[in-house]
Amino acid sequence: QELRPKSLDIKQEELGDMVEKEMASTSEAIEDAVRRIEEMMSQARNESSGVKLEVNERILNSCTDLMKAIRLLVTTSTNLQKEIVESGRGAATTQEFYAKNSRWTEGLISASKAVGWGATQLVESADRVVLHTGKYEELIVCSHEIAASTAQLVAASKVKAEKSSRNLARLQECSRNVNEMAANVVASTKSGQEQIEEKDTMDFSGMSLIKLKKEEMETQVKVLELEKQLEGERVRLGELRKQHYVLAGGCEDAPEDGEARPAPAPRRGILKKPPIAQKP
């Protein structure tokens, strides 16, 4: 008895109401998430352009597809739960069925909360990414969390469902669709992150005239510094080659004691071209 999970001190006769409330709350959270993504899309089009707008649109579109897949999943799960209750309660009421199967009911409540929470966190992470105040990794983690909570909801529903149930088959198909859409969010996030990191320094579309002039002057300063550094390295390379020639020439001179010395190894890029062989 002590090992049984505590469902926030809810009476067993209230579990049935909690299931319906949680599923309704999850559906409402998903609808709100879809609306917020649409608002973010409109805001991104007004406040960004170029590469950043392209990346934001791709990420938000993938998030929208994921929210639609989750919404269908929740609807199908609700239909399957009704089917399970109707086929299993017999003469008992719906509340009595949920109370009798309290462990299963608590699993449904927990899974439903996890799905709703994951959808909310995904939207908040997407909002921060679009506003450039968040990290792309947050979206990736939220996508993985949604896939995990979806698997939890399917597992909880599958326990009591008939194997031949059409709603169960639809729920499993919806689960695969959610996983696919979550993977698309991850893929679009990673590609967008790489694209922003590669093109961020070359996207000047959102700069004002003063900002462009300042960036131009700073770039000119950097170019002069690099040119000076390059000239210094060229002088250094020339001195190194001179010293190389001196040392190489000294090795080729005959020794004073008359002893033979081994011939120096050929030096690539330094020796003169051999004379062209004359025709006989």
C-alpha atoms as a PDB file:
ATOM      1  CA  GLN A   1       0.000   0.000   0.000  1.00  0.00           C
ATOM      2  CA  GLU A   2       2.861   2.379   0.787  1.00  0.00           C
ATOM      3  CA  LEU A   3       4.452   1.739  -2.617  1.00  0.00           C
ATOM      4  CA  ARG A   4       1.325   2.762  -4.506  1.00  0.00           C
ATOM      5  CA  PRO A   5       1.671   6.197  -6.179  1.00  0.00           C
ATOM      6  CA  LYS A   6      -0.111   9.085  -4.521  1.00  0.00           C
ATOM      7  CA  SER A   7      -2.288  11.037  -6.960  1.00  0.00           C
ATOM      8  CA  LEU A   8      -2.263  14.330  -5.059  1.00  0.00           C
ATOM      9  CA  ASP A   9      -4.664  13.022  -2.400  1.00  0.00           C
ATOM     10  CA  ILE A  10      -7.499  12.734  -4.915  1.00  0.00           C
ATOM     11  CA  LYS A  11     -10.375  10.527  -3.887  1.00  0.00           C
ATOM     12  CA  GLN A  12     -10.885   7.493  -6.081  1.00  0.00           C
ATOM     13  CA  GLU A  13     -14.396   8.543  -7.017  1.00  0.00           C
ATOM     14  CA  GLU A  14     -12.895  11.728  -8.457  1.00  0.00           C
ATOM     15  CA  LEU A  15     -10.385   9.936 -10.704  1.00  0.00           C
ATOM     16  CA  GLY A  16     -12.834   9.700 -13.594  1.00  0.00           C
ATOM     17  CA  ASP A  17     -13.422  13.425 -13.527  1.00  0.00           C
ATOM     18  CA  MET A  18      -9.667  13.994 -13.344  1.00  0.00           C
ATOM     19  CA  VAL A  19      -9.085  11.941 -16.506  1.00  0.00           C
ATOM     20  CA  GLU A  20     -11.613  13.959 -18.471  1.00  0.00           C
ATOM     21  CA  LYS A  21     -10.298  17.232 -17.088  1.00  0.00           C
ATOM     22  CA  GLU A  22      -6.695  16.374 -17.871  1.00  0.00           C
ATOM     23  CA  MET A  23      -7.487  15.290 -21.430  1.00  0.00           C
ATOM     24  CA  ALA A  24      -9.517  18.466 -21.943  1.00  0.00           C
ATOM     25  CA  SER A  25      -6.697  20.521 -20.429  1.00  0.00           C
ATOM     26  CA  THR A  26      -4.164  18.856 -22.712  1.00  0.00           C
ATOM     27  CA  SER A  27      -6.306  19.570 -25.778  1.00  0.00           C
ATOM     28  CA  GLU A  28      -6.671  23.183 -24.682  1.00  0.00           C
ATOM     29  CA  ALA A  29      -2.906  23.489 -24.157  1.00  0.00           C
ATOM     30  CA  ILE A  30      -2.258  22.157 -27.654  1.00  0.00           C
ATOM     31  CA  GLU A  31      -4.784  24.533 -29.221  1.00  0.00           C
ATOM     32  CA  ASP A  32      -3.141  27.403 -27.373  1.00  0.00           C
ATOM     33  CA  ALA A  33       0.263  26.209 -28.585  1.00  0.00           C
ATOM     34  CA  VAL A  34      -0.921  26.257 -32.202  1.00  0.00           C
ATOM     35  CA  ARG A  35      -2.227  29.812 -31.788  1.00  0.00           C
ATOM     36  CA  ARG A  36       1.026  30.972 -30.215  1.00  0.00           C
ATOM     37  CA  ILE A  37       3.068  29.451 -33.029  1.00  0.00           C
ATOM     38  CA  GLU A  38       0.925  31.297 -35.582  1.00  0.00           C
ATOM     39  CA  GLU A  39       1.530  34.545 -33.687  1.00  0.00           C
ATOM     40  CA  MET A  40       5.267  33.858 -33.591  1.00  0.00           C
ATOM     41  CA  MET A  41       5.242  33.193 -37.340  1.00  0.00           C
ATOM     42  CA  SER A  42       3.598  36.565 -37.984  1.00  0.00           C
ATOM     43  CA  GLN A  43       6.022  38.316 -35.626  1.00  0.00           C
ATOM     44  CA  ALA A  44       9.029  36.655 -37.239  1.00  0.00           C
ATOM     45  CA  ARG A  45       7.940  37.849 -40.690  1.00  0.00           C
ATOM     46  CA  ASN A  46       7.653  41.408 -39.411  1.00  0.00           C
ATOM     47  CA  GLU A  47      10.875  41.548 -37.390  1.00  0.00           C
ATOM     48  CA  SER A  48      13.326  39.361 -39.306  1.00  0.00           C
ATOM     49  CA  SER A  49      14.406  38.796 -42.869  1.00  0.00           C
ATOM     50  CA  GLY A  50      16.889  36.927 -44.992  1.00  0.00           C
ATOM     51  CA  VAL A  51      18.466  33.806 -43.582  1.00  0.00           C
ATOM     52  CA  LYS A  52      17.032  34.264 -40.081  1.00  0.00           C
ATOM     53  CA  LEU A  53      13.486  34.513 -41.424  1.00  0.00           C
ATOM     54  CA  GLU A  54      13.989  31.393 -43.519  1.00  0.00           C
ATOM     55  CA  VAL A  55      15.308  29.443 -40.519  1.00  0.00           C
ATOM     56  CA  ASN A  56      12.544  30.681 -38.191  1.00  0.00           C
ATOM     57  CA  GLU A  57       9.806  29.798 -40.663  1.00  0.00           C
ATOM     58  CA  ARG A  58      11.201  26.304 -41.185  1.00  0.00           C
ATOM     59  CA  ILE A  59      11.437  25.646 -37.438  1.00  0.00           C
ATOM     60  CA  LEU A  60       7.982  27.073 -36.676  1.00  0.00           C
ATOM     61  CA  ASN A  61       6.396  25.121 -39.532  1.00  0.00           C
ATOM     62  CA  SER A  62       7.853  21.895 -38.172  1.00  0.00           C
ATOM     63  CA  CYS A  63       6.564  22.806 -34.686  1.00  0.00           C
ATOM     64  CA  THR A  64       3.103  23.445 -36.143  1.00  0.00           C
ATOM     65  CA  ASP A  65       3.093  20.032 -37.815  1.00  0.00           C
ATOM     66  CA  LEU A  66       4.113  18.451 -34.514  1.00  0.00           C
ATOM     67  CA  MET A  67       1.303  20.218 -32.631  1.00  0.00           C
ATOM     68  CA  LYS A  68      -1.244  19.000 -35.181  1.00  0.00           C
ATOM     69  CA  ALA A  69       0.052  15.453 -34.814  1.00  0.00           C
ATOM     70  CA  ILE A  70      -0.218  15.688 -31.006  1.00  0.00           C
ATOM     71  CA  ARG A  71      -3.752  17.073 -31.255  1.00  0.00           C
ATOM     72  CA  LEU A  72      -4.813  14.087 -33.366  1.00  0.00           C
ATOM     73  CA  LEU A  73      -3.065  11.770 -30.909  1.00  0.00           C
ATOM     74  CA  VAL A  74      -4.973  13.198 -27.938  1.00  0.00           C
ATOM     75  CA  THR A  75      -8.298  12.977 -29.777  1.00  0.00           C
ATOM     76  CA  THR A  76      -7.668   9.352 -30.723  1.00  0.00           C
ATOM     77  CA  SER A  77      -6.527   8.535 -27.190  1.00  0.00           C
ATOM     78  CA  THR A  78      -9.736  10.030 -25.778  1.00  0.00           C
ATOM     79  CA  ASN A  79     -11.833   7.905 -28.131  1.00  0.00           C
ATOM     80  CA  LEU A  80      -9.896   4.783 -27.174  1.00  0.00           C
ATOM     81  CA  GLN A  81     -10.364   5.479 -23.453  1.00  0.00           C
ATOM     82  CA  LYS A  82     -14.117   5.821 -23.934  1.00  0.00           C
ATOM     83  CA  GLU A  83     -14.116   2.513 -25.798  1.00  0.00           C
ATOM     84  CA  ILE A  84     -12.134   0.847 -22.999  1.00  0.00           C
ATOM     85  CA  VAL A  85     -14.503   2.145 -20.323  1.00  0.00           C
ATOM     86  CA  GLU A  86     -17.634   1.149 -22.227  1.00  0.00           C
ATOM     87  CA  SER A  87     -16.379  -2.362 -22.924  1.00  0.00           C
ATOM     88  CA  GLY A  88     -14.985  -3.006 -19.455  1.00  0.00           C
ATOM     89  CA  ARG A  89     -17.233  -1.340 -16.936  1.00  0.00           C
ATOM     90  CA  GLY A  90     -20.202  -3.710 -17.375  1.00  0.00           C
ATOM     91  CA  ALA A  91     -23.000  -2.596 -15.067  1.00  0.00           C
ATOM     92  CA  ALA A  92     -20.736  -0.208 -13.182  1.00  0.00           C
ATOM     93  CA  THR A  93     -20.662   3.522 -13.828  1.00  0.00           C
ATOM     94  CA  THR A  94     -17.767   5.288 -15.529  1.00  0.00           C
ATOM     95  CA  GLN A  95     -16.606   6.706 -12.194  1.00  0.00           C
ATOM     96  CA  GLU A  96     -16.691   3.252 -10.611  1.00  0.00           C
ATOM     97  CA  PHE A  97     -14.635   1.811 -13.479  1.00  0.00           C
ATOM     98  CA  TYR A  98     -11.947   4.457 -13.073  1.00  0.00           C
ATOM     99  CA  ALA A  99     -11.945   3.984  -9.314  1.00  0.00           C
ATOM    100  CA  LYS A 100     -11.671   0.206  -9.663  1.00  0.00           C
ATOM    101  CA  ASN A 101      -8.719   0.624 -12.040  1.00  0.00           C
ATOM    102  CA  SER A 102      -7.099   3.469 -10.150  1.00  0.00           C
ATOM    103  CA  ARG A 103      -3.512   2.543 -11.043  1.00  0.00           C
ATOM    104  CA  TRP A 104      -4.341   2.552 -14.750  1.00  0.00           C
ATOM    105  CA  THR A 105      -6.270   5.790 -14.361  1.00  0.00           C
ATOM    106  CA  GLU A 106      -3.352   7.457 -12.604  1.00  0.00           C
ATOM    107  CA  GLY A 107      -1.111   6.362 -15.479  1.00  0.00           C
ATOM    108  CA  LEU A 108      -3.440   8.015 -17.979  1.00  0.00           C
ATOM    109  CA  ILE A 109      -3.504  11.237 -15.954  1.00  0.00           C
ATOM    110  CA  SER A 110       0.290  11.283 -15.684  1.00  0.00           C
ATOM    111  CA  ALA A 111       0.766  10.595 -19.406  1.00  0.00           C
ATOM    112  CA  SER A 112      -1.750  13.248 -20.401  1.00  0.00           C
ATOM    113  CA  LYS A 113      -0.037  15.819 -18.183  1.00  0.00           C
ATOM    114  CA  ALA A 114       3.323  14.915 -19.702  1.00  0.00           C
ATOM    115  CA  VAL A 115       2.044  15.442 -23.260  1.00  0.00           C
ATOM    116  CA  GLY A 116       0.482  18.810 -22.416  1.00  0.00           C
ATOM    117  CA  TRP A 117       3.586  19.945 -20.541  1.00  0.00           C
ATOM    118  CA  GLY A 118       5.856  18.911 -23.402  1.00  0.00           C
ATOM    119  CA  ALA A 119       3.775  20.865 -25.931  1.00  0.00           C
ATOM    120  CA  THR A 120       3.859  23.975 -23.736  1.00  0.00           C
ATOM    121  CA  GLN A 121       7.613  23.752 -23.207  1.00  0.00           C
ATOM    122  CA  LEU A 122       8.185  23.292 -26.940  1.00  0.00           C
ATOM    123  CA  VAL A 123       6.298  26.479 -27.753  1.00  0.00           C
ATOM    124  CA  GLU A 124       8.141  28.464 -25.076  1.00  0.00           C
ATOM    125  CA  SER A 125      11.498  27.200 -26.371  1.00  0.00           C
ATOM    126  CA  ALA A 126      10.520  28.054 -29.952  1.00  0.00           C
ATOM    127  CA  ASP A 127       9.515  31.539 -28.821  1.00  0.00           C
ATOM    128  CA  ARG A 128      12.913  32.105 -27.199  1.00  0.00           C
ATOM    129  CA  VAL A 129      14.736  30.805 -30.276  1.00  0.00           C
ATOM    130  CA  VAL A 130      12.815  33.141 -32.582  1.00  0.00           C
ATOM    131  CA  LEU A 131      13.584  36.064 -30.258  1.00  0.00           C
ATOM    132  CA  HIS A 132      17.263  34.972 -30.124  1.00  0.00           C
ATOM    133  CA  THR A 133      17.131  34.645 -26.326  1.00  0.00           C
ATOM    134  CA  GLY A 134      17.090  30.843 -26.161  1.00  0.00           C
ATOM    135  CA  LYS A 135      19.141  27.897 -27.347  1.00  0.00           C
ATOM    136  CA  TYR A 136      18.436  25.587 -30.236  1.00  0.00           C
ATOM    137  CA  GLU A 137      19.263  22.648 -27.990  1.00  0.00           C
ATOM    138  CA  GLU A 138      16.140  23.422 -25.926  1.00  0.00           C
ATOM    139  CA  LEU A 139      13.926  22.646 -28.919  1.00  0.00           C
ATOM    140  CA  ILE A 140      15.737  19.368 -29.496  1.00  0.00           C
ATOM    141  CA  VAL A 141      15.308  18.308 -25.861  1.00  0.00           C
ATOM    142  CA  CYS A 142      11.607  19.260 -25.889  1.00  0.00           C
ATOM    143  CA  SER A 143      11.074  17.195 -29.036  1.00  0.00           C
ATOM    144  CA  HIS A 144      12.620  14.163 -27.348  1.00  0.00           C
ATOM    145  CA  GLU A 145      10.426  14.746 -24.273  1.00  0.00           C
ATOM    146  CA  ILE A 146       7.292  14.871 -26.421  1.00  0.00           C
ATOM    147  CA  ALA A 147       8.234  11.606 -28.118  1.00  0.00           C
ATOM    148  CA  ALA A 148       8.778   9.988 -24.697  1.00  0.00           C
ATOM    149  CA  SER A 149       5.479  11.270 -23.239  1.00  0.00           C
ATOM    150  CA  THR A 150       3.657  10.091 -26.359  1.00  0.00           C
ATOM    151  CA  ALA A 151       5.051   6.603 -25.865  1.00  0.00           C
ATOM    152  CA  GLN A 152       3.904   6.778 -22.225  1.00  0.00           C
ATOM    153  CA  LEU A 153       0.354   7.707 -23.266  1.00  0.00           C
ATOM    154  CA  VAL A 154       0.179   4.916 -25.852  1.00  0.00           C
ATOM    155  CA  ALA A 155       1.508   2.378 -23.346  1.00  0.00           C
ATOM    156  CA  ALA A 156      -1.041   3.457 -20.727  1.00  0.00           C
ATOM    157  CA  SER A 157      -3.890   3.191 -23.225  1.00  0.00           C
ATOM    158  CA  LYS A 158      -2.705  -0.114 -24.640  1.00  0.00           C
ATOM    159  CA  VAL A 159      -2.876  -1.896 -21.271  1.00  0.00           C
ATOM    160  CA  LYS A 160      -6.681  -2.078 -21.221  1.00  0.00           C
ATOM    161  CA  ALA A 161      -7.422  -1.953 -24.956  1.00  0.00           C
ATOM    162  CA  GLU A 162      -8.415  -4.897 -27.100  1.00  0.00           C
ATOM    163  CA  LYS A 163      -5.736  -5.953 -29.550  1.00  0.00           C
ATOM    164  CA  SER A 164      -8.239  -5.811 -32.412  1.00  0.00           C
ATOM    165  CA  SER A 165      -9.396  -2.286 -31.540  1.00  0.00           C
ATOM    166  CA  ARG A 166      -9.390   0.110 -34.475  1.00  0.00           C
ATOM    167  CA  ASN A 167      -8.878   3.042 -32.127  1.00  0.00           C
ATOM    168  CA  LEU A 168      -5.751   1.343 -30.756  1.00  0.00           C
ATOM    169  CA  ALA A 169      -4.398   0.892 -34.291  1.00  0.00           C
ATOM    170  CA  ARG A 170      -5.134   4.561 -35.012  1.00  0.00           C
ATOM    171  CA  LEU A 171      -3.454   5.590 -31.755  1.00  0.00           C
ATOM    172  CA  GLN A 172      -0.316   3.641 -32.625  1.00  0.00           C
ATOM    173  CA  GLU A 173      -0.286   5.234 -36.078  1.00  0.00           C
ATOM    174  CA  CYS A 174      -0.699   8.669 -34.496  1.00  0.00           C
ATOM    175  CA  SER A 175       2.195   7.880 -32.166  1.00  0.00           C
ATOM    176  CA  ARG A 176       4.450   7.044 -35.108  1.00  0.00           C
ATOM    177  CA  ASN A 177       3.369  10.267 -36.797  1.00  0.00           C
ATOM    178  CA  VAL A 178       4.219  12.267 -33.659  1.00  0.00           C
ATOM    179  CA  ASN A 179       7.664  10.659 -33.519  1.00  0.00           C
ATOM    180  CA  GLU A 180       8.227  11.491 -37.184  1.00  0.00           C
ATOM    181  CA  MET A 181       7.153  15.116 -36.690  1.00  0.00           C
ATOM    182  CA  ALA A 182       9.350  15.392 -33.583  1.00  0.00           C
ATOM    183  CA  ALA A 183      12.277  14.117 -35.630  1.00  0.00           C
ATOM    184  CA  ASN A 184      11.494  16.780 -38.244  1.00  0.00           C
ATOM    185  CA  VAL A 185      11.659  19.457 -35.556  1.00  0.00           C
ATOM    186  CA  VAL A 186      15.055  18.154 -34.481  1.00  0.00           C
ATOM    187  CA  ALA A 187      16.302  18.061 -38.082  1.00  0.00           C
ATOM    188  CA  SER A 188      15.043  21.559 -38.936  1.00  0.00           C
ATOM    189  CA  THR A 189      16.500  22.911 -35.687  1.00  0.00           C
ATOM    190  CA  LYS A 190      19.938  21.425 -36.311  1.00  0.00           C
ATOM    191  CA  SER A 191      20.060  22.559 -39.956  1.00  0.00           C
ATOM    192  CA  GLY A 192      18.830  26.019 -38.970  1.00  0.00           C
ATOM    193  CA  GLN A 193      21.450  26.306 -36.267  1.00  0.00           C
ATOM    194  CA  GLU A 194      24.211  25.378 -38.720  1.00  0.00           C
ATOM    195  CA  GLN A 195      22.851  27.797 -41.310  1.00  0.00           C
ATOM    196  CA  ILE A 196      22.691  30.675 -38.828  1.00  0.00           C
ATOM    197  CA  GLU A 197      26.196  29.988 -37.546  1.00  0.00           C
ATOM    198  CA  GLU A 198      27.571  29.893 -41.099  1.00  0.00           C
ATOM    199  CA  LYS A 199      25.685  32.878 -42.505  1.00  0.00           C
ATOM    200  CA  ASP A 200      25.231  35.089 -39.464  1.00  0.00           C
ATOM    201  CA  THR A 201      28.274  37.241 -40.203  1.00  0.00           C
ATOM    202  CA  MET A 202      27.219  37.660 -43.855  1.00  0.00           C
ATOM    203  CA  ASP A 203      23.563  38.656 -43.325  1.00  0.00           C
ATOM    204  CA  PHE A 204      23.375  42.466 -43.436  1.00  0.00           C
ATOM    205  CA  SER A 205      19.740  42.773 -44.496  1.00  0.00           C
ATOM    206  CA  GLY A 206      18.525  43.960 -41.098  1.00  0.00           C
ATOM    207  CA  MET A 207      21.235  46.614 -40.532  1.00  0.00           C
ATOM    208  CA  SER A 208      20.695  50.360 -40.673  1.00  0.00           C
ATOM    209  CA  LEU A 209      22.928  52.700 -42.677  1.00  0.00           C
ATOM    210  CA  ILE A 210      24.884  53.769 -39.591  1.00  0.00           C
ATOM    211  CA  LYS A 211      25.333  50.170 -38.478  1.00  0.00           C
ATOM    212  CA  LEU A 212      26.527  49.177 -41.949  1.00  0.00           C
ATOM    213  CA  LYS A 213      29.057  52.033 -42.018  1.00  0.00           C
ATOM    214  CA  LYS A 214      30.375  51.038 -38.592  1.00  0.00           C
ATOM    215  CA  GLU A 215      30.703  47.403 -39.620  1.00  0.00           C
ATOM    216  CA  GLU A 216      32.459  48.493 -42.815  1.00  0.00           C
ATOM    217  CA  MET A 217      35.049  50.556 -40.893  1.00  0.00           C
ATOM    218  CA  GLU A 218      35.686  47.756 -38.410  1.00  0.00           C
ATOM    219  CA  THR A 219      36.161  45.313 -41.272  1.00  0.00           C
ATOM    220  CA  GLN A 220      38.610  47.683 -42.989  1.00  0.00           C
ATOM    221  CA  VAL A 221      40.636  47.924 -39.778  1.00  0.00           C
ATOM    222  CA  LYS A 222      40.711  44.149 -39.528  1.00  0.00           C
ATOM    223  CA  VAL A 223      41.784  43.831 -43.161  1.00  0.00           C
ATOM    224  CA  LEU A 224      44.690  46.271 -42.589  1.00  0.00           C
ATOM    225  CA  GLU A 225      45.732  44.359 -39.485  1.00  0.00           C
ATOM    226  CA  LEU A 226      45.693  41.084 -41.375  1.00  0.00           C
ATOM    227  CA  GLU A 227      47.597  42.598 -44.288  1.00  0.00           C
ATOM    228  CA  LYS A 228      50.269  43.913 -41.907  1.00  0.00           C
ATOM    229  CA  GLN A 229      50.484  40.517 -40.239  1.00  0.00           C
ATOM    230  CA  LEU A 230      50.719  38.850 -43.650  1.00  0.00           C
ATOM    231  CA  GLU A 231      53.527  41.206 -44.711  1.00  0.00           C
ATOM    232  CA  GLY A 232      55.404  40.452 -41.500  1.00  0.00           C
ATOM    233  CA  GLU A 233      55.089  36.721 -42.085  1.00  0.00           C
ATOM    234  CA  ARG A 234      56.330  37.139 -45.662  1.00  0.00           C
ATOM    235  CA  VAL A 235      59.430  39.027 -44.425  1.00  0.00           C
ATOM    236  CA  ARG A 236      59.981  36.279 -41.861  1.00  0.00           C
ATOM    237  CA  LEU A 237      59.651  33.630 -44.549  1.00  0.00           C
ATOM    238  CA  GLY A 238      62.188  35.489 -46.723  1.00  0.00           C
ATOM    239  CA  GLU A 239      64.733  35.664 -43.889  1.00  0.00           C
ATOM    240  CA  LEU A 240      64.233  31.976 -43.143  1.00  0.00           C
ATOM    241  CA  ARG A 241      64.894  31.118 -46.779  1.00  0.00           C
ATOM    242  CA  LYS A 242      68.044  33.280 -46.840  1.00  0.00           C
ATOM    243  CA  GLN A 243      69.397  31.504 -43.784  1.00  0.00           C
ATOM    244  CA  HIS A 244      68.463  28.197 -45.377  1.00  0.00           C
ATOM    245  CA  TYR A 245      70.430  29.102 -48.504  1.00  0.00           C
ATOM    246  CA  VAL A 246      73.470  30.108 -46.412  1.00  0.00           C
ATOM    247  CA  LEU A 247      73.458  26.874 -44.445  1.00  0.00           C
ATOM    248  CA  ALA A 248      72.843  24.806 -47.557  1.00  0.00           C
ATOM    249  CA  GLY A 249      75.701  26.563 -49.398  1.00  0.00           C
ATOM    250  CA  GLY A 250      78.095  26.016 -46.478  1.00  0.00           C
ATOM    251  CA  CYS A 251      77.364  22.312 -46.448  1.00  0.00           C
ATOM    252  CA  GLU A 252      78.207  22.050 -50.124  1.00  0.00           C
ATOM    253  CA  ASP A 253      81.702  23.652 -49.682  1.00  0.00           C
ATOM    254  CA  ALA A 254      84.619  21.230 -49.536  1.00  0.00           C
ATOM    255  CA  PRO A 255      86.004  20.600 -46.028  1.00  0.00           C
ATOM    256  CA  GLU A 256      89.444  21.914 -45.138  1.00  0.00           C
ATOM    257  CA  ASP A 257      90.781  18.564 -43.927  1.00  0.00           C
ATOM    258  CA  GLY A 258      90.119  17.003 -47.300  1.00  0.00           C
ATOM    259  CA  GLU A 259      87.880  14.286 -45.886  1.00  0.00           C
ATOM    260  CA  ALA A 260      84.880  13.366 -47.942  1.00  0.00           C
ATOM    261  CA  ARG A 261      81.501  14.300 -46.590  1.00  0.00           C
ATOM    262  CA  PRO A 262      78.213  12.801 -47.613  1.00  0.00           C
ATOM    263  CA  ALA A 263      76.328  14.741 -50.216  1.00  0.00           C
ATOM    264  CA  PRO A 264      73.517  16.834 -48.788  1.00  0.00           C
ATOM    265  CA  ALA A 265      70.014  15.553 -49.272  1.00  0.00           C
ATOM    266  CA  PRO A 266      68.129  17.188 -52.143  1.00  0.00           C
ATOM    267  CA  ARG A 267      66.045  20.165 -51.079  1.00  0.00           C
ATOM    268  CA  ARG A 268      62.620  20.434 -52.594  1.00  0.00           C
ATOM    269  CA  GLY A 269      61.633  23.815 -53.935  1.00  0.00           C
ATOM    270  CA  ILE A 270      65.148  25.271 -53.457  1.00  0.00           C
ATOM    271  CA  LEU A 271      67.432  23.579 -56.003  1.00  0.00           C
ATOM    272  CA  LYS A 272      67.635  25.109 -59.441  1.00  0.00           C
ATOM    273  CA  LYS A 273      66.133  23.325 -62.375  1.00  0.00           C
ATOM    274  CA  PRO A 274      68.521  20.808 -63.910  1.00  0.00           C
ATOM    275  CA  PRO A 275      69.876  21.770 -67.320  1.00  0.00           C
ATOM    276  CA  ILE A 276      67.801  20.554 -70.195  1.00  0.00           C
ATOM    277  CA  ALA A 277      69.424  17.583 -71.901  1.00  0.00           C
ATOM    278  CA  GLN A 278      70.642  18.473 -75.379  1.00  0.00           C
ATOM    279  CA  LYS A 279      69.585  16.395 -78.304  1.00  0.00           C
ATOM    280  CA  PRO A 280      72.300  14.149 -79.738  1.00  0.00           C
END
